[in-house]
Amino acid sequence: MQIADEELELLVADLHDRYGYDFSGYARASLKRRFERLAGLDKFPSFAEFRYKILKDPVYIKRVVEEITVNVTEMFRDPHFYLALRAEILPVLATYPFIRIWLAGVASGEEAYSMAILLYEANLLHKTLIYATDINPAVLDVARKGIYPAAKMKQYSENYLAAGGKGDFSEYYTARYGYIKLNEELSRRMIFSTHNLVSDATFNEFQVIICRNVLIYFDKTLQDRVFHLFNDSLDIFGFIALGSKETLKFSGMSDKYKVLKSGEKIWRKIS
């Protein structure tokens, strides 16, 4: 099923007015593809029936939000990024008495556990709080449990080693019945919470903010709003890390930040 531009605007308005989810700043081409994919998967014969389901079935909204906000993630994704964190950020964090890190758009949580392992190996986890947020409460439930398919562990182990892992990745989880559960010692320093980058305010001061491969789905206006939110949430000399196709360069904030030498999309706040 194809969705017309005016129909897409109706869906965006419905989700905001009825359920409080604000997708008005999302890039329209991406948003349309995701709605069309969902309507096809669930075999709706017409736009009218698809919209009626969204308006009348609060349970179905969980699926809608999950499909629209889905982010592909894995543990130690882009290992060179984690090598840069080890080399350029962790030594600075070691000088702080207490560390707060915000992972925005954390999806099902693999990035949060990757960060916890990184901090653990640097002997910093005990003095860190990791705030892992997402707009989607369903994926946050997965993140809280820390249970993932065992079939993914081979790839995750390879990523871990390529990211400079210092031990045996299997030491960080227990396996049973085709699934693994990551050690609770890692999640003990995490706070999982719903947070909407579109509409919610800052909620703490952080030394590091990581938001990778989320802003590519936002239009320029919304990206600028999020950059202001991050800037208001970040300590002076703190770090912001973005995805490989995202940049602070054209945000109007570039004069406040200095890009790090690693070649990764990591900036340090200098004013």
C-alpha atoms as a PDB file:
ATOM      1  CA  MET A   1       0.000   0.000   0.000  1.00  0.00           C
ATOM      2  CA  GLN A   2       1.261   3.447  -0.941  1.00  0.00           C
ATOM      3  CA  ILE A   3       0.610   6.383   1.362  1.00  0.00           C
ATOM      4  CA  ALA A   4       0.088   9.855  -0.089  1.00  0.00           C
ATOM      5  CA  ASP A   5       1.789  12.914   1.397  1.00  0.00           C
ATOM      6  CA  GLU A   6      -1.451  14.260   2.854  1.00  0.00           C
ATOM      7  CA  GLU A   7      -2.259  10.844   4.346  1.00  0.00           C
ATOM      8  CA  LEU A   8       1.157  10.745   5.990  1.00  0.00           C
ATOM      9  CA  GLU A   9       0.450  14.111   7.640  1.00  0.00           C
ATOM     10  CA  LEU A  10      -2.833  12.726   8.992  1.00  0.00           C
ATOM     11  CA  LEU A  11      -0.986   9.804  10.610  1.00  0.00           C
ATOM     12  CA  VAL A  12       1.629  12.116  12.134  1.00  0.00           C
ATOM     13  CA  ALA A  13      -1.150  14.317  13.560  1.00  0.00           C
ATOM     14  CA  ASP A  14      -3.067  11.269  14.869  1.00  0.00           C
ATOM     15  CA  LEU A  15      -0.057   9.905  16.734  1.00  0.00           C
ATOM     16  CA  HIS A  16       0.612  13.275  18.323  1.00  0.00           C
ATOM     17  CA  ASP A  17      -2.945  14.309  19.182  1.00  0.00           C
ATOM     18  CA  ARG A  18      -4.152  10.943  20.404  1.00  0.00           C
ATOM     19  CA  TYR A  19      -1.059   9.358  21.951  1.00  0.00           C
ATOM     20  CA  GLY A  20       1.493  12.151  22.457  1.00  0.00           C
ATOM     21  CA  TYR A  21       4.143  10.780  20.071  1.00  0.00           C
ATOM     22  CA  ASP A  22       5.621  13.655  18.081  1.00  0.00           C
ATOM     23  CA  PHE A  23       7.071  12.555  14.732  1.00  0.00           C
ATOM     24  CA  SER A  24       6.552  15.954  13.078  1.00  0.00           C
ATOM     25  CA  GLY A  25      10.291  16.550  12.721  1.00  0.00           C
ATOM     26  CA  TYR A  26      11.132  13.178  11.197  1.00  0.00           C
ATOM     27  CA  ALA A  27      12.345  13.141   7.582  1.00  0.00           C
ATOM     28  CA  ARG A  28       9.225  12.516   5.513  1.00  0.00           C
ATOM     29  CA  ALA A  29      10.708  10.059   3.002  1.00  0.00           C
ATOM     30  CA  SER A  30      11.955   7.761   5.769  1.00  0.00           C
ATOM     31  CA  LEU A  31       8.727   8.077   7.740  1.00  0.00           C
ATOM     32  CA  LYS A  32       6.612   7.237   4.701  1.00  0.00           C
ATOM     33  CA  ARG A  33       8.696   4.143   3.913  1.00  0.00           C
ATOM     34  CA  ARG A  34       8.264   2.863   7.462  1.00  0.00           C
ATOM     35  CA  PHE A  35       4.499   3.413   7.529  1.00  0.00           C
ATOM     36  CA  GLU A  36       4.131   1.726   4.133  1.00  0.00           C
ATOM     37  CA  ARG A  37       6.250  -1.218   5.256  1.00  0.00           C
ATOM     38  CA  LEU A  38       4.133  -1.666   8.391  1.00  0.00           C
ATOM     39  CA  ALA A  39       0.848  -1.450   6.467  1.00  0.00           C
ATOM     40  CA  GLY A  40       2.174  -4.080   4.053  1.00  0.00           C
ATOM     41  CA  LEU A  41       3.403  -6.406   6.793  1.00  0.00           C
ATOM     42  CA  ASP A  42       0.033  -6.271   8.560  1.00  0.00           C
ATOM     43  CA  LYS A  43      -1.898  -6.599   5.285  1.00  0.00           C
ATOM     44  CA  PHE A  44      -4.159  -3.571   5.493  1.00  0.00           C
ATOM     45  CA  PRO A  45      -6.246  -3.350   2.293  1.00  0.00           C
ATOM     46  CA  SER A  46      -6.659   0.422   2.461  1.00  0.00           C
ATOM     47  CA  PHE A  47      -5.295   3.546   4.114  1.00  0.00           C
ATOM     48  CA  ALA A  48      -8.654   4.142   5.814  1.00  0.00           C
ATOM     49  CA  GLU A  49      -8.487   0.788   7.635  1.00  0.00           C
ATOM     50  CA  PHE A  50      -4.856   1.333   8.579  1.00  0.00           C
ATOM     51  CA  ARG A  51      -5.648   4.751  10.044  1.00  0.00           C
ATOM     52  CA  TYR A  52      -8.739   3.424  11.850  1.00  0.00           C
ATOM     53  CA  LYS A  53      -6.618   0.737  13.531  1.00  0.00           C
ATOM     54  CA  ILE A  54      -4.123   3.367  14.701  1.00  0.00           C
ATOM     55  CA  LEU A  55      -6.873   5.637  16.043  1.00  0.00           C
ATOM     56  CA  LYS A  56      -8.903   2.957  17.808  1.00  0.00           C
ATOM     57  CA  ASP A  57      -6.401   0.367  19.062  1.00  0.00           C
ATOM     58  CA  PRO A  58      -4.020   1.632  21.791  1.00  0.00           C
ATOM     59  CA  VAL A  59      -2.321  -1.784  21.897  1.00  0.00           C
ATOM     60  CA  TYR A  60      -1.450  -1.567  18.197  1.00  0.00           C
ATOM     61  CA  ILE A  61       0.305   1.756  18.815  1.00  0.00           C
ATOM     62  CA  LYS A  62       3.150  -0.118  20.528  1.00  0.00           C
ATOM     63  CA  ARG A  63       3.814  -1.921  17.262  1.00  0.00           C
ATOM     64  CA  VAL A  64       3.534   1.286  15.236  1.00  0.00           C
ATOM     65  CA  VAL A  65       6.059   3.127  17.400  1.00  0.00           C
ATOM     66  CA  GLU A  66       8.394   0.126  17.397  1.00  0.00           C
ATOM     67  CA  GLU A  67       8.382  -0.060  13.596  1.00  0.00           C
ATOM     68  CA  ILE A  68       8.810   3.678  13.076  1.00  0.00           C
ATOM     69  CA  THR A  69      11.646   4.087  15.562  1.00  0.00           C
ATOM     70  CA  VAL A  70      13.445   0.795  14.935  1.00  0.00           C
ATOM     71  CA  ASN A  71      17.227   1.182  14.940  1.00  0.00           C
ATOM     72  CA  VAL A  72      19.623  -1.522  13.817  1.00  0.00           C
ATOM     73  CA  THR A  73      22.123  -2.064  16.589  1.00  0.00           C
ATOM     74  CA  GLU A  74      24.632  -4.593  17.841  1.00  0.00           C
ATOM     75  CA  MET A  75      27.273  -4.844  20.541  1.00  0.00           C
ATOM     76  CA  PHE A  76      30.470  -2.942  19.732  1.00  0.00           C
ATOM     77  CA  ARG A  77      29.026  -1.892  16.390  1.00  0.00           C
ATOM     78  CA  ASP A  78      31.746  -0.071  14.406  1.00  0.00           C
ATOM     79  CA  PRO A  79      34.631  -1.338  16.586  1.00  0.00           C
ATOM     80  CA  HIS A  80      36.894   1.542  15.507  1.00  0.00           C
ATOM     81  CA  PHE A  81      34.484   3.902  17.281  1.00  0.00           C
ATOM     82  CA  TYR A  82      35.041   2.038  20.556  1.00  0.00           C
ATOM     83  CA  LEU A  83      38.798   2.073  19.983  1.00  0.00           C
ATOM     84  CA  ALA A  84      38.533   5.862  19.803  1.00  0.00           C
ATOM     85  CA  LEU A  85      36.546   5.937  23.049  1.00  0.00           C
ATOM     86  CA  ARG A  86      39.240   3.851  24.755  1.00  0.00           C
ATOM     87  CA  ALA A  87      42.054   6.035  23.476  1.00  0.00           C
ATOM     88  CA  GLU A  88      40.620   9.553  23.664  1.00  0.00           C
ATOM     89  CA  ILE A  89      37.716   9.665  26.122  1.00  0.00           C
ATOM     90  CA  LEU A  90      38.263   7.096  28.878  1.00  0.00           C
ATOM     91  CA  PRO A  91      41.585   8.633  30.031  1.00  0.00           C
ATOM     92  CA  VAL A  92      39.784  11.969  30.473  1.00  0.00           C
ATOM     93  CA  LEU A  93      36.846  10.357  32.293  1.00  0.00           C
ATOM     94  CA  ALA A  94      39.305   8.685  34.676  1.00  0.00           C
ATOM     95  CA  THR A  95      40.113  12.132  36.095  1.00  0.00           C
ATOM     96  CA  TYR A  96      36.481  12.730  37.207  1.00  0.00           C
ATOM     97  CA  PRO A  97      35.245  11.688  40.665  1.00  0.00           C
ATOM     98  CA  PHE A  98      31.869  10.694  39.175  1.00  0.00           C
ATOM     99  CA  ILE A  99      30.801  10.128  35.567  1.00  0.00           C
ATOM    100  CA  ARG A 100      27.417  10.470  33.884  1.00  0.00           C
ATOM    101  CA  ILE A 101      26.934   9.168  30.336  1.00  0.00           C
ATOM    102  CA  TRP A 102      23.768   9.578  28.257  1.00  0.00           C
ATOM    103  CA  LEU A 103      23.068   7.097  25.459  1.00  0.00           C
ATOM    104  CA  ALA A 104      20.168   8.607  23.503  1.00  0.00           C
ATOM    105  CA  GLY A 105      18.144   6.378  21.175  1.00  0.00           C
ATOM    106  CA  VAL A 106      19.584   3.272  22.789  1.00  0.00           C
ATOM    107  CA  ALA A 107      17.027   0.900  21.192  1.00  0.00           C
ATOM    108  CA  SER A 108      17.348  -2.653  22.559  1.00  0.00           C
ATOM    109  CA  GLY A 109      20.381  -1.793  24.678  1.00  0.00           C
ATOM    110  CA  GLU A 110      23.388  -3.442  23.045  1.00  0.00           C
ATOM    111  CA  GLU A 111      25.233  -0.125  22.962  1.00  0.00           C
ATOM    112  CA  ALA A 112      24.637   0.422  26.685  1.00  0.00           C
ATOM    113  CA  TYR A 113      26.151  -2.955  27.577  1.00  0.00           C
ATOM    114  CA  SER A 114      29.066  -2.320  25.224  1.00  0.00           C
ATOM    115  CA  MET A 115      29.756   0.945  27.014  1.00  0.00           C
ATOM    116  CA  ALA A 116      29.492  -0.742  30.422  1.00  0.00           C
ATOM    117  CA  ILE A 117      32.065  -3.359  29.395  1.00  0.00           C
ATOM    118  CA  LEU A 118      34.378  -0.632  28.133  1.00  0.00           C
ATOM    119  CA  LEU A 119      34.100   1.216  31.455  1.00  0.00           C
ATOM    120  CA  TYR A 120      34.507  -1.986  33.472  1.00  0.00           C
ATOM    121  CA  GLU A 121      37.756  -2.827  31.700  1.00  0.00           C
ATOM    122  CA  ALA A 122      39.029   0.694  32.400  1.00  0.00           C
ATOM    123  CA  ASN A 123      38.058   0.331  36.090  1.00  0.00           C
ATOM    124  CA  LEU A 124      35.569   3.206  35.731  1.00  0.00           C
ATOM    125  CA  LEU A 125      32.185   1.466  35.833  1.00  0.00           C
ATOM    126  CA  HIS A 126      31.914   1.628  39.620  1.00  0.00           C
ATOM    127  CA  LYS A 127      31.849   5.444  39.521  1.00  0.00           C
ATOM    128  CA  THR A 128      29.643   5.811  36.436  1.00  0.00           C
ATOM    129  CA  LEU A 129      25.919   6.070  35.792  1.00  0.00           C
ATOM    130  CA  ILE A 130      24.786   5.236  32.265  1.00  0.00           C
ATOM    131  CA  TYR A 131      21.444   6.788  31.318  1.00  0.00           C
ATOM    132  CA  ALA A 132      20.016   4.754  28.431  1.00  0.00           C
ATOM    133  CA  THR A 133      16.957   6.351  26.828  1.00  0.00           C
ATOM    134  CA  ASP A 134      14.640   5.716  23.907  1.00  0.00           C
ATOM    135  CA  ILE A 135      11.211   6.861  22.799  1.00  0.00           C
ATOM    136  CA  ASN A 136      10.085   3.235  22.497  1.00  0.00           C
ATOM    137  CA  PRO A 137       9.205   1.523  25.820  1.00  0.00           C
ATOM    138  CA  ALA A 138       9.036  -1.938  24.198  1.00  0.00           C
ATOM    139  CA  VAL A 139      12.705  -1.980  23.161  1.00  0.00           C
ATOM    140  CA  LEU A 140      13.712  -0.571  26.549  1.00  0.00           C
ATOM    141  CA  ASP A 141      12.132  -3.643  28.160  1.00  0.00           C
ATOM    142  CA  VAL A 142      14.494  -5.790  26.090  1.00  0.00           C
ATOM    143  CA  ALA A 143      17.405  -3.592  27.145  1.00  0.00           C
ATOM    144  CA  ARG A 144      16.549  -3.867  30.855  1.00  0.00           C
ATOM    145  CA  LYS A 145      16.500  -7.670  30.684  1.00  0.00           C
ATOM    146  CA  GLY A 146      19.814  -7.876  28.809  1.00  0.00           C
ATOM    147  CA  ILE A 147      18.758 -11.109  27.077  1.00  0.00           C
ATOM    148  CA  TYR A 148      19.749 -11.621  23.440  1.00  0.00           C
ATOM    149  CA  PRO A 149      19.891 -14.514  20.931  1.00  0.00           C
ATOM    150  CA  ALA A 150      22.996 -16.662  21.392  1.00  0.00           C
ATOM    151  CA  ALA A 151      23.369 -16.820  17.610  1.00  0.00           C
ATOM    152  CA  LYS A 152      24.572 -13.207  17.640  1.00  0.00           C
ATOM    153  CA  MET A 153      27.420 -13.847  20.060  1.00  0.00           C
ATOM    154  CA  LYS A 154      29.975 -14.888  17.429  1.00  0.00           C
ATOM    155  CA  GLN A 155      29.639 -11.522  15.687  1.00  0.00           C
ATOM    156  CA  TYR A 156      29.555  -9.641  18.987  1.00  0.00           C
ATOM    157  CA  SER A 157      32.686 -11.437  20.169  1.00  0.00           C
ATOM    158  CA  GLU A 158      34.509 -10.491  16.955  1.00  0.00           C
ATOM    159  CA  ASN A 159      33.368  -6.874  17.380  1.00  0.00           C
ATOM    160  CA  TYR A 160      34.547  -6.880  21.001  1.00  0.00           C
ATOM    161  CA  LEU A 161      38.029  -8.073  20.073  1.00  0.00           C
ATOM    162  CA  ALA A 162      38.272  -5.585  17.197  1.00  0.00           C
ATOM    163  CA  ALA A 163      37.237  -2.844  19.664  1.00  0.00           C
ATOM    164  CA  GLY A 164      40.269  -3.601  21.831  1.00  0.00           C
ATOM    165  CA  GLY A 165      38.587  -6.039  24.223  1.00  0.00           C
ATOM    166  CA  LYS A 166      40.924  -7.117  26.978  1.00  0.00           C
ATOM    167  CA  GLY A 167      39.439 -10.456  27.975  1.00  0.00           C
ATOM    168  CA  ASP A 168      37.152 -13.244  26.808  1.00  0.00           C
ATOM    169  CA  PHE A 169      33.772 -11.842  25.740  1.00  0.00           C
ATOM    170  CA  SER A 170      31.982 -14.967  27.024  1.00  0.00           C
ATOM    171  CA  GLU A 171      32.905 -13.941  30.584  1.00  0.00           C
ATOM    172  CA  TYR A 172      30.286 -11.190  30.369  1.00  0.00           C
ATOM    173  CA  TYR A 173      27.242 -13.439  29.903  1.00  0.00           C
ATOM    174  CA  THR A 174      25.668 -16.781  30.726  1.00  0.00           C
ATOM    175  CA  ALA A 175      24.073 -18.919  27.995  1.00  0.00           C
ATOM    176  CA  ARG A 176      20.940 -21.037  28.204  1.00  0.00           C
ATOM    177  CA  TYR A 177      18.326 -22.382  25.752  1.00  0.00           C
ATOM    178  CA  GLY A 178      19.570 -20.455  22.727  1.00  0.00           C
ATOM    179  CA  TYR A 179      19.798 -17.116  24.542  1.00  0.00           C
ATOM    180  CA  ILE A 180      22.384 -15.279  26.609  1.00  0.00           C
ATOM    181  CA  LYS A 181      21.905 -13.021  29.598  1.00  0.00           C
ATOM    182  CA  LEU A 182      24.472 -10.315  30.176  1.00  0.00           C
ATOM    183  CA  ASN A 183      25.871 -10.062  33.697  1.00  0.00           C
ATOM    184  CA  GLU A 184      23.810  -7.963  36.100  1.00  0.00           C
ATOM    185  CA  GLU A 185      27.025  -6.376  37.292  1.00  0.00           C
ATOM    186  CA  LEU A 186      26.907  -4.399  34.007  1.00  0.00           C
ATOM    187  CA  SER A 187      23.274  -3.259  34.243  1.00  0.00           C
ATOM    188  CA  ARG A 188      23.605  -2.252  37.905  1.00  0.00           C
ATOM    189  CA  ARG A 189      25.090   1.063  36.766  1.00  0.00           C
ATOM    190  CA  MET A 190      22.379   1.735  34.136  1.00  0.00           C
ATOM    191  CA  ILE A 191      19.159   3.720  34.274  1.00  0.00           C
ATOM    192  CA  PHE A 192      16.721   2.887  31.458  1.00  0.00           C
ATOM    193  CA  SER A 193      14.056   5.480  30.743  1.00  0.00           C
ATOM    194  CA  THR A 194      11.754   6.667  27.972  1.00  0.00           C
ATOM    195  CA  HIS A 195      12.791  10.043  26.587  1.00  0.00           C
ATOM    196  CA  ASN A 196      11.561  11.790  23.467  1.00  0.00           C
ATOM    197  CA  LEU A 197      14.289  13.844  21.810  1.00  0.00           C
ATOM    198  CA  VAL A 198      11.587  15.753  19.949  1.00  0.00           C
ATOM    199  CA  SER A 199       9.667  17.098  22.916  1.00  0.00           C
ATOM    200  CA  ASP A 200      11.374  16.282  26.239  1.00  0.00           C
ATOM    201  CA  ALA A 201      13.775  18.582  28.074  1.00  0.00           C
ATOM    202  CA  THR A 202      17.243  18.025  29.492  1.00  0.00           C
ATOM    203  CA  PHE A 203      17.276  15.984  32.703  1.00  0.00           C
ATOM    204  CA  ASN A 204      20.888  16.001  33.929  1.00  0.00           C
ATOM    205  CA  GLU A 205      24.444  17.171  33.263  1.00  0.00           C
ATOM    206  CA  PHE A 206      26.647  14.675  31.443  1.00  0.00           C
ATOM    207  CA  GLN A 207      30.306  14.231  30.642  1.00  0.00           C
ATOM    208  CA  VAL A 208      29.503  12.145  27.542  1.00  0.00           C
ATOM    209  CA  ILE A 209      26.462  12.048  25.235  1.00  0.00           C
ATOM    210  CA  ILE A 210      26.291   9.362  22.552  1.00  0.00           C
ATOM    211  CA  CYS A 211      23.531   9.427  19.942  1.00  0.00           C
ATOM    212  CA  ARG A 212      24.458   7.382  16.893  1.00  0.00           C
ATOM    213  CA  ASN A 213      22.353   6.848  13.776  1.00  0.00           C
ATOM    214  CA  VAL A 214      19.236   8.528  15.168  1.00  0.00           C
ATOM    215  CA  LEU A 215      19.516  12.070  13.812  1.00  0.00           C
ATOM    216  CA  ILE A 216      19.696  10.855  10.195  1.00  0.00           C
ATOM    217  CA  TYR A 217      15.933  10.265  10.464  1.00  0.00           C
ATOM    218  CA  PHE A 218      15.248  13.864  11.587  1.00  0.00           C
ATOM    219  CA  ASP A 219      14.821  16.953   9.449  1.00  0.00           C
ATOM    220  CA  LYS A 220      17.179  19.922   9.818  1.00  0.00           C
ATOM    221  CA  THR A 221      14.913  21.835  12.222  1.00  0.00           C
ATOM    222  CA  LEU A 222      14.588  18.892  14.566  1.00  0.00           C
ATOM    223  CA  GLN A 223      18.303  18.110  14.358  1.00  0.00           C
ATOM    224  CA  ASP A 224      19.049  21.679  15.484  1.00  0.00           C
ATOM    225  CA  ARG A 225      16.614  21.320  18.393  1.00  0.00           C
ATOM    226  CA  VAL A 226      18.316  18.106  19.498  1.00  0.00           C
ATOM    227  CA  PHE A 227      21.772  19.675  19.237  1.00  0.00           C
ATOM    228  CA  HIS A 228      20.618  22.503  21.524  1.00  0.00           C
ATOM    229  CA  LEU A 229      19.228  19.910  23.945  1.00  0.00           C
ATOM    230  CA  PHE A 230      22.549  18.055  23.948  1.00  0.00           C
ATOM    231  CA  ASN A 231      24.519  21.263  24.391  1.00  0.00           C
ATOM    232  CA  ASP A 232      22.365  22.236  27.393  1.00  0.00           C
ATOM    233  CA  SER A 233      22.894  18.755  28.860  1.00  0.00           C
ATOM    234  CA  LEU A 234      26.669  18.571  28.430  1.00  0.00           C
ATOM    235  CA  ASP A 235      29.324  19.743  30.884  1.00  0.00           C
ATOM    236  CA  ILE A 236      32.049  22.061  29.640  1.00  0.00           C
ATOM    237  CA  PHE A 237      34.831  19.879  28.144  1.00  0.00           C
ATOM    238  CA  GLY A 238      32.338  17.023  27.776  1.00  0.00           C
ATOM    239  CA  PHE A 239      32.066  14.864  24.648  1.00  0.00           C
ATOM    240  CA  ILE A 240      29.359  14.303  22.023  1.00  0.00           C
ATOM    241  CA  ALA A 241      29.525  11.269  19.710  1.00  0.00           C
ATOM    242  CA  LEU A 242      27.321  10.864  16.627  1.00  0.00           C
ATOM    243  CA  GLY A 243      26.866   8.307  13.858  1.00  0.00           C
ATOM    244  CA  SER A 244      29.078   8.128  10.790  1.00  0.00           C
ATOM    245  CA  LYS A 245      26.623  10.101   8.603  1.00  0.00           C
ATOM    246  CA  GLU A 246      25.822  12.728  11.243  1.00  0.00           C
ATOM    247  CA  THR A 247      27.649  15.954  12.064  1.00  0.00           C
ATOM    248  CA  LEU A 248      27.674  19.008  14.312  1.00  0.00           C
ATOM    249  CA  LYS A 249      29.309  20.962  11.506  1.00  0.00           C
ATOM    250  CA  PHE A 250      26.202  22.771  10.206  1.00  0.00           C
ATOM    251  CA  SER A 251      24.289  22.952  13.482  1.00  0.00           C
ATOM    252  CA  GLY A 252      25.182  26.507  14.479  1.00  0.00           C
ATOM    253  CA  MET A 253      27.059  25.004  17.435  1.00  0.00           C
ATOM    254  CA  SER A 254      30.294  24.131  15.687  1.00  0.00           C
ATOM    255  CA  ASP A 255      32.160  27.064  17.245  1.00  0.00           C
ATOM    256  CA  LYS A 256      31.506  25.590  20.714  1.00  0.00           C
ATOM    257  CA  TYR A 257      33.077  22.224  19.822  1.00  0.00           C
ATOM    258  CA  LYS A 258      36.356  20.760  18.632  1.00  0.00           C
ATOM    259  CA  VAL A 259      36.441  17.491  16.693  1.00  0.00           C
ATOM    260  CA  LEU A 260      38.802  14.856  18.084  1.00  0.00           C
ATOM    261  CA  LYS A 261      41.800  13.548  16.168  1.00  0.00           C
ATOM    262  CA  SER A 262      40.617   9.960  15.782  1.00  0.00           C
ATOM    263  CA  GLY A 263      38.586  10.613  12.635  1.00  0.00           C
ATOM    264  CA  GLU A 264      35.415   9.439  14.386  1.00  0.00           C
ATOM    265  CA  LYS A 265      32.360  11.690  14.765  1.00  0.00           C
ATOM    266  CA  ILE A 266      33.332  12.748  18.305  1.00  0.00           C
ATOM    267  CA  TRP A 267      33.473  16.378  19.457  1.00  0.00           C
ATOM    268  CA  ARG A 268      34.588  18.017  22.695  1.00  0.00           C
ATOM    269  CA  LYS A 269      32.797  21.044  24.129  1.00  0.00           C
ATOM    270  CA  ILE A 270      35.301  23.865  24.485  1.00  0.00           C
ATOM    271  CA  SER A 271      33.042  26.863  25.307  1.00  0.00           C
END
